[in-house]
Amino acid sequence: MSSTSRGAQRHKDDYYVTPHWLIEQFLDAVEHDFLGKHLQSELVLDPSCGGCDKYEPSYPTVLKKRFPGINLMTADIRFDSKAELKGIDFLSLKSKAIYDVVITNPPFNLSVEFAQKALEQVQCGGYVVLLQRLNWLGSIGRKEFWQNAPLHSFYVHSKRPSFYPELQNKTDSIEYAHFVFKKGHSPNLAKLKVI
């Protein structure tokens, strides 16, 4: 996912490399909070983990470095991904597996569907963490989703990222946030933190 109006060319297959510093910044903000203990000891899924012959998958790489014993499953729809399970369409996946945390950077145009599917895949009290553009909060088409979504918190990144490692001096044209949902949480009690 990337806002491409700043001159950058779209990546093949809409694959964008999530900067490791962006994930690390988020983990720094939550490691000693509600989410840190879940990532260290529970079953975690990254359903669109990415990675390719040129780049390591971002979330798995950072999570395994931060939490060496993490119980992490990875999947991706792309066959050239570095996921454990390749060619897996998360949105149509029929799985009985229940996770404690689902964390990923899904395609922007499928972000609501990813959130809904991920919330089906986590246990009650489980977390779903999605990196998205801050303007995901807007749009009449997503209003009903936001009125009912169990948004727990969201962490706005004050520094704009670049999703193109070779163009680090060209940042995106929009701000990003890690949106944290908690299954069973009231949709009216979300907290905002700028990091």
C-alpha atoms as a PDB file:
ATOM      1  CA  MET A   1       0.000   0.000   0.000  1.00  0.00           C
ATOM      2  CA  SER A   2       1.333   3.373  -0.928  1.00  0.00           C
ATOM      3  CA  SER A   3       0.008   6.755  -1.863  1.00  0.00           C
ATOM      4  CA  THR A   4       1.706   7.164  -5.213  1.00  0.00           C
ATOM      5  CA  SER A   5       0.976  10.762  -6.161  1.00  0.00           C
ATOM      6  CA  ARG A   6       4.500  11.971  -5.394  1.00  0.00           C
ATOM      7  CA  GLY A   7       6.154  10.721  -8.548  1.00  0.00           C
ATOM      8  CA  ALA A   8       7.008   7.165  -7.508  1.00  0.00           C
ATOM      9  CA  GLN A   9       6.144   4.361  -9.919  1.00  0.00           C
ATOM     10  CA  ARG A  10       3.800   1.616  -8.748  1.00  0.00           C
ATOM     11  CA  HIS A  11       5.520  -1.572  -7.682  1.00  0.00           C
ATOM     12  CA  LYS A  12       4.756  -4.747  -9.653  1.00  0.00           C
ATOM     13  CA  ASP A  13       1.710  -6.540  -8.147  1.00  0.00           C
ATOM     14  CA  ASP A  14       1.141  -3.562  -5.819  1.00  0.00           C
ATOM     15  CA  TYR A  15       3.795  -4.931  -3.483  1.00  0.00           C
ATOM     16  CA  TYR A  16       5.239  -2.232  -1.281  1.00  0.00           C
ATOM     17  CA  VAL A  17       8.035  -2.820   1.192  1.00  0.00           C
ATOM     18  CA  THR A  18       6.944  -1.669   4.643  1.00  0.00           C
ATOM     19  CA  PRO A  19       9.909   0.129   6.226  1.00  0.00           C
ATOM     20  CA  HIS A  20      11.277  -1.754   9.225  1.00  0.00           C
ATOM     21  CA  TRP A  21      11.670   1.469  11.220  1.00  0.00           C
ATOM     22  CA  LEU A  22       7.916   2.088  10.920  1.00  0.00           C
ATOM     23  CA  ILE A  23       7.111  -1.302  12.472  1.00  0.00           C
ATOM     24  CA  GLU A  24       9.806  -0.847  15.123  1.00  0.00           C
ATOM     25  CA  GLN A  25       8.397   2.561  16.043  1.00  0.00           C
ATOM     26  CA  PHE A  26       4.962   1.007  16.546  1.00  0.00           C
ATOM     27  CA  LEU A  27       6.381  -1.894  18.589  1.00  0.00           C
ATOM     28  CA  ASP A  28       8.320   0.549  20.761  1.00  0.00           C
ATOM     29  CA  ALA A  29       5.001   2.256  21.561  1.00  0.00           C
ATOM     30  CA  VAL A  30       3.168  -0.971  22.490  1.00  0.00           C
ATOM     31  CA  GLU A  31       5.839  -3.439  23.613  1.00  0.00           C
ATOM     32  CA  HIS A  32       5.338  -2.825  27.333  1.00  0.00           C
ATOM     33  CA  ASP A  33       1.626  -2.224  26.917  1.00  0.00           C
ATOM     34  CA  PHE A  34      -1.352  -4.454  26.090  1.00  0.00           C
ATOM     35  CA  LEU A  35       0.011  -5.871  22.835  1.00  0.00           C
ATOM     36  CA  GLY A  36       3.616  -6.678  23.682  1.00  0.00           C
ATOM     37  CA  LYS A  37       2.825  -9.714  25.829  1.00  0.00           C
ATOM     38  CA  HIS A  38       0.529 -11.124  23.142  1.00  0.00           C
ATOM     39  CA  LEU A  39       3.216 -10.883  20.478  1.00  0.00           C
ATOM     40  CA  GLN A  40       5.734 -12.617  22.732  1.00  0.00           C
ATOM     41  CA  SER A  41       3.659 -15.586  23.810  1.00  0.00           C
ATOM     42  CA  GLU A  42       0.648 -16.123  21.584  1.00  0.00           C
ATOM     43  CA  LEU A  43      -0.186 -17.383  18.072  1.00  0.00           C
ATOM     44  CA  VAL A  44       0.351 -14.588  15.528  1.00  0.00           C
ATOM     45  CA  LEU A  45      -0.545 -14.415  11.820  1.00  0.00           C
ATOM     46  CA  ASP A  46       0.687 -12.127   9.051  1.00  0.00           C
ATOM     47  CA  PRO A  47      -1.714 -12.944   6.167  1.00  0.00           C
ATOM     48  CA  SER A  48      -0.105 -10.682   3.553  1.00  0.00           C
ATOM     49  CA  CYS A  49       3.506 -10.806   4.637  1.00  0.00           C
ATOM     50  CA  GLY A  50       5.169  -9.974   1.330  1.00  0.00           C
ATOM     51  CA  GLY A  51       8.858 -10.386   0.773  1.00  0.00           C
ATOM     52  CA  CYS A  52      10.457 -11.257  -2.542  1.00  0.00           C
ATOM     53  CA  ASP A  53      13.822 -12.258  -3.988  1.00  0.00           C
ATOM     54  CA  LYS A  54      15.083  -8.732  -3.249  1.00  0.00           C
ATOM     55  CA  TYR A  55      13.530  -7.941   0.170  1.00  0.00           C
ATOM     56  CA  GLU A  56      12.739  -9.837   3.342  1.00  0.00           C
ATOM     57  CA  PRO A  57       9.091  -9.769   4.514  1.00  0.00           C
ATOM     58  CA  SER A  58       8.857  -6.731   6.774  1.00  0.00           C
ATOM     59  CA  TYR A  59       6.617  -7.725   9.695  1.00  0.00           C
ATOM     60  CA  PRO A  60       8.040 -11.252  10.105  1.00  0.00           C
ATOM     61  CA  THR A  61      11.617  -9.954   9.965  1.00  0.00           C
ATOM     62  CA  VAL A  62      11.040  -7.266  12.586  1.00  0.00           C
ATOM     63  CA  LEU A  63       8.831  -9.426  14.822  1.00  0.00           C
ATOM     64  CA  LYS A  64      11.270 -12.358  14.863  1.00  0.00           C
ATOM     65  CA  LYS A  65      14.144 -10.033  15.700  1.00  0.00           C
ATOM     66  CA  ARG A  66      12.182  -8.345  18.504  1.00  0.00           C
ATOM     67  CA  PHE A  67      10.527 -11.506  19.858  1.00  0.00           C
ATOM     68  CA  PRO A  68      12.846 -14.469  19.020  1.00  0.00           C
ATOM     69  CA  GLY A  69      10.391 -17.089  20.303  1.00  0.00           C
ATOM     70  CA  ILE A  70       7.335 -15.696  18.498  1.00  0.00           C
ATOM     71  CA  ASN A  71       4.838 -18.278  17.224  1.00  0.00           C
ATOM     72  CA  LEU A  72       4.292 -16.625  13.837  1.00  0.00           C
ATOM     73  CA  MET A  73       2.508 -17.985  10.775  1.00  0.00           C
ATOM     74  CA  THR A  74       2.929 -16.201   7.439  1.00  0.00           C
ATOM     75  CA  ALA A  75       0.845 -16.288   4.265  1.00  0.00           C
ATOM     76  CA  ASP A  76       0.572 -14.286   1.065  1.00  0.00           C
ATOM     77  CA  ILE A  77      -1.445 -14.406  -2.139  1.00  0.00           C
ATOM     78  CA  ARG A  78       1.726 -13.953  -4.197  1.00  0.00           C
ATOM     79  CA  PHE A  79       3.695 -17.070  -5.156  1.00  0.00           C
ATOM     80  CA  ASP A  80       6.986 -15.133  -5.161  1.00  0.00           C
ATOM     81  CA  SER A  81       6.464 -14.072  -1.545  1.00  0.00           C
ATOM     82  CA  LYS A  82       8.684 -15.349   1.247  1.00  0.00           C
ATOM     83  CA  ALA A  83       5.619 -16.468   3.202  1.00  0.00           C
ATOM     84  CA  GLU A  84       5.402 -19.993   4.581  1.00  0.00           C
ATOM     85  CA  LEU A  85       2.062 -20.404   2.808  1.00  0.00           C
ATOM     86  CA  LYS A  86       2.130 -19.001  -0.729  1.00  0.00           C
ATOM     87  CA  GLY A  87      -0.820 -18.450  -3.061  1.00  0.00           C
ATOM     88  CA  ILE A  88      -3.199 -18.115  -0.108  1.00  0.00           C
ATOM     89  CA  ASP A  89      -6.071 -15.667  -0.554  1.00  0.00           C
ATOM     90  CA  PHE A  90      -6.709 -14.655   3.047  1.00  0.00           C
ATOM     91  CA  LEU A  91     -10.130 -13.202   2.274  1.00  0.00           C
ATOM     92  CA  SER A  92     -11.495 -16.493   0.916  1.00  0.00           C
ATOM     93  CA  LEU A  93      -9.553 -18.748   3.266  1.00  0.00           C
ATOM     94  CA  LYS A  94     -11.646 -21.336   5.074  1.00  0.00           C
ATOM     95  CA  SER A  95      -9.651 -21.979   8.207  1.00  0.00           C
ATOM     96  CA  LYS A  96     -10.533 -23.169  11.691  1.00  0.00           C
ATOM     97  CA  ALA A  97      -7.326 -21.701  13.102  1.00  0.00           C
ATOM     98  CA  ILE A  98      -7.876 -19.065  15.748  1.00  0.00           C
ATOM     99  CA  TYR A  99      -5.120 -16.558  16.367  1.00  0.00           C
ATOM    100  CA  ASP A 100      -4.345 -14.207  19.222  1.00  0.00           C
ATOM    101  CA  VAL A 101      -2.967 -11.479  16.956  1.00  0.00           C
ATOM    102  CA  VAL A 102      -3.240 -10.781  13.230  1.00  0.00           C
ATOM    103  CA  ILE A 103      -0.781  -8.098  12.093  1.00  0.00           C
ATOM    104  CA  THR A 104      -0.131  -6.945   8.524  1.00  0.00           C
ATOM    105  CA  ASN A 105      -0.041  -4.196   5.908  1.00  0.00           C
ATOM    106  CA  PRO A 106      -2.970  -5.109   3.641  1.00  0.00           C
ATOM    107  CA  PRO A 107      -3.858  -3.550   0.278  1.00  0.00           C
ATOM    108  CA  PHE A 108      -5.663  -0.253   0.901  1.00  0.00           C
ATOM    109  CA  ASN A 109      -8.581  -1.127  -1.379  1.00  0.00           C
ATOM    110  CA  LEU A 110      -9.195  -4.316   0.649  1.00  0.00           C
ATOM    111  CA  SER A 111      -8.494  -2.898   4.100  1.00  0.00           C
ATOM    112  CA  VAL A 112     -12.045  -3.162   5.439  1.00  0.00           C
ATOM    113  CA  GLU A 113     -12.340  -6.733   4.165  1.00  0.00           C
ATOM    114  CA  PHE A 114      -8.984  -7.612   5.752  1.00  0.00           C
ATOM    115  CA  ALA A 115     -10.067  -6.104   9.069  1.00  0.00           C
ATOM    116  CA  GLN A 116     -13.363  -8.001   9.044  1.00  0.00           C
ATOM    117  CA  LYS A 117     -11.760 -11.325   8.064  1.00  0.00           C
ATOM    118  CA  ALA A 118      -8.970 -10.893  10.617  1.00  0.00           C
ATOM    119  CA  LEU A 119     -11.517 -10.192  13.357  1.00  0.00           C
ATOM    120  CA  GLU A 120     -13.188 -13.501  12.451  1.00  0.00           C
ATOM    121  CA  GLN A 121      -9.817 -15.259  12.792  1.00  0.00           C
ATOM    122  CA  VAL A 122      -8.891 -13.986  16.274  1.00  0.00           C
ATOM    123  CA  GLN A 123     -10.200 -15.216  19.594  1.00  0.00           C
ATOM    124  CA  CYS A 124     -12.414 -13.000  21.747  1.00  0.00           C
ATOM    125  CA  GLY A 125     -10.088 -10.388  23.212  1.00  0.00           C
ATOM    126  CA  GLY A 126      -7.597 -10.968  20.375  1.00  0.00           C
ATOM    127  CA  TYR A 127      -5.975  -8.139  18.437  1.00  0.00           C
ATOM    128  CA  VAL A 128      -5.884  -7.145  14.779  1.00  0.00           C
ATOM    129  CA  VAL A 129      -3.209  -4.633  13.763  1.00  0.00           C
ATOM    130  CA  LEU A 130      -3.314  -3.062  10.306  1.00  0.00           C
ATOM    131  CA  LEU A 131      -1.013  -0.422   8.869  1.00  0.00           C
ATOM    132  CA  GLN A 132      -3.091   1.957   6.786  1.00  0.00           C
ATOM    133  CA  ARG A 133      -3.206   5.481   5.494  1.00  0.00           C
ATOM    134  CA  LEU A 134      -4.665   7.856   8.035  1.00  0.00           C
ATOM    135  CA  ASN A 135      -7.400   8.766   5.562  1.00  0.00           C
ATOM    136  CA  TRP A 136      -8.772   5.223   5.979  1.00  0.00           C
ATOM    137  CA  LEU A 137     -10.929   6.860   8.657  1.00  0.00           C
ATOM    138  CA  GLY A 138     -12.715   8.891   5.986  1.00  0.00           C
ATOM    139  CA  SER A 139     -15.230   8.065   3.247  1.00  0.00           C
ATOM    140  CA  ILE A 140     -18.970   7.568   3.329  1.00  0.00           C
ATOM    141  CA  GLY A 141     -18.456   4.010   2.063  1.00  0.00           C
ATOM    142  CA  ARG A 142     -16.553   3.066   5.253  1.00  0.00           C
ATOM    143  CA  LYS A 143     -18.796   4.962   7.704  1.00  0.00           C
ATOM    144  CA  GLU A 144     -20.801   1.904   8.764  1.00  0.00           C
ATOM    145  CA  PHE A 145     -17.616  -0.101   9.256  1.00  0.00           C
ATOM    146  CA  TRP A 146     -16.149   2.559  11.555  1.00  0.00           C
ATOM    147  CA  GLN A 147     -19.366   2.899  13.539  1.00  0.00           C
ATOM    148  CA  ASN A 148     -19.212  -0.800  14.413  1.00  0.00           C
ATOM    149  CA  ALA A 149     -15.501  -1.666  14.293  1.00  0.00           C
ATOM    150  CA  PRO A 150     -13.970  -2.602  17.668  1.00  0.00           C
ATOM    151  CA  LEU A 151     -11.152  -0.072  17.271  1.00  0.00           C
ATOM    152  CA  HIS A 152      -9.028  -0.194  20.415  1.00  0.00           C
ATOM    153  CA  SER A 153      -6.372   2.373  19.499  1.00  0.00           C
ATOM    154  CA  PHE A 154      -4.448   3.847  16.628  1.00  0.00           C
ATOM    155  CA  TYR A 155      -0.875   5.026  16.467  1.00  0.00           C
ATOM    156  CA  VAL A 156      -0.248   7.818  14.001  1.00  0.00           C
ATOM    157  CA  HIS A 157       3.269   7.966  12.608  1.00  0.00           C
ATOM    158  CA  SER A 158       4.405  11.577  12.534  1.00  0.00           C
ATOM    159  CA  LYS A 159       7.170  10.784  10.021  1.00  0.00           C
ATOM    160  CA  ARG A 160       5.970   9.877   6.540  1.00  0.00           C
ATOM    161  CA  PRO A 161       7.464   6.629   5.205  1.00  0.00           C
ATOM    162  CA  SER A 162       8.726   5.578   1.814  1.00  0.00           C
ATOM    163  CA  PHE A 163       7.565   2.166   0.630  1.00  0.00           C
ATOM    164  CA  TYR A 164      10.300   2.071  -1.995  1.00  0.00           C
ATOM    165  CA  PRO A 165      13.665   1.141  -0.407  1.00  0.00           C
ATOM    166  CA  GLU A 166      15.558   2.500  -3.388  1.00  0.00           C
ATOM    167  CA  LEU A 167      13.805   5.897  -3.038  1.00  0.00           C
ATOM    168  CA  GLN A 168      14.149   6.609   0.686  1.00  0.00           C
ATOM    169  CA  ASN A 169      14.346  10.360   0.089  1.00  0.00           C
ATOM    170  CA  LYS A 170      10.891  10.303  -1.560  1.00  0.00           C
ATOM    171  CA  THR A 171       8.286   9.867   1.159  1.00  0.00           C
ATOM    172  CA  ASP A 172       4.610   9.169   0.665  1.00  0.00           C
ATOM    173  CA  SER A 173       2.174  12.046   0.266  1.00  0.00           C
ATOM    174  CA  ILE A 174       0.083  11.037   3.282  1.00  0.00           C
ATOM    175  CA  GLU A 175       0.404  10.025   6.926  1.00  0.00           C
ATOM    176  CA  TYR A 176       0.070   6.435   8.123  1.00  0.00           C
ATOM    177  CA  ALA A 177      -1.134   4.799  11.307  1.00  0.00           C
ATOM    178  CA  HIS A 178      -1.175   1.380  12.890  1.00  0.00           C
ATOM    179  CA  PHE A 179      -4.840   0.667  13.642  1.00  0.00           C
ATOM    180  CA  VAL A 180      -5.374  -1.748  16.534  1.00  0.00           C
ATOM    181  CA  PHE A 181      -8.686  -3.577  16.836  1.00  0.00           C
ATOM    182  CA  LYS A 182      -9.641  -5.747  19.797  1.00  0.00           C
ATOM    183  CA  LYS A 183     -12.357  -8.331  19.282  1.00  0.00           C
ATOM    184  CA  GLY A 184     -15.189  -7.595  21.708  1.00  0.00           C
ATOM    185  CA  HIS A 185     -14.032  -4.012  22.384  1.00  0.00           C
ATOM    186  CA  SER A 186     -16.555  -1.163  22.328  1.00  0.00           C
ATOM    187  CA  PRO A 187     -16.271   0.836  19.089  1.00  0.00           C
ATOM    188  CA  ASN A 188     -16.633   4.103  21.026  1.00  0.00           C
ATOM    189  CA  LEU A 189     -13.576   3.805  23.279  1.00  0.00           C
ATOM    190  CA  ALA A 190     -10.578   4.082  20.922  1.00  0.00           C
ATOM    191  CA  LYS A 191      -7.473   5.993  21.960  1.00  0.00           C
ATOM    192  CA  LEU A 192      -5.174   7.980  19.692  1.00  0.00           C
ATOM    193  CA  LYS A 193      -1.424   8.256  20.085  1.00  0.00           C
ATOM    194  CA  VAL A 194       0.967  10.168  17.812  1.00  0.00           C
ATOM    195  CA  ILE A 195       4.375   8.491  17.596  1.00  0.00           C
END
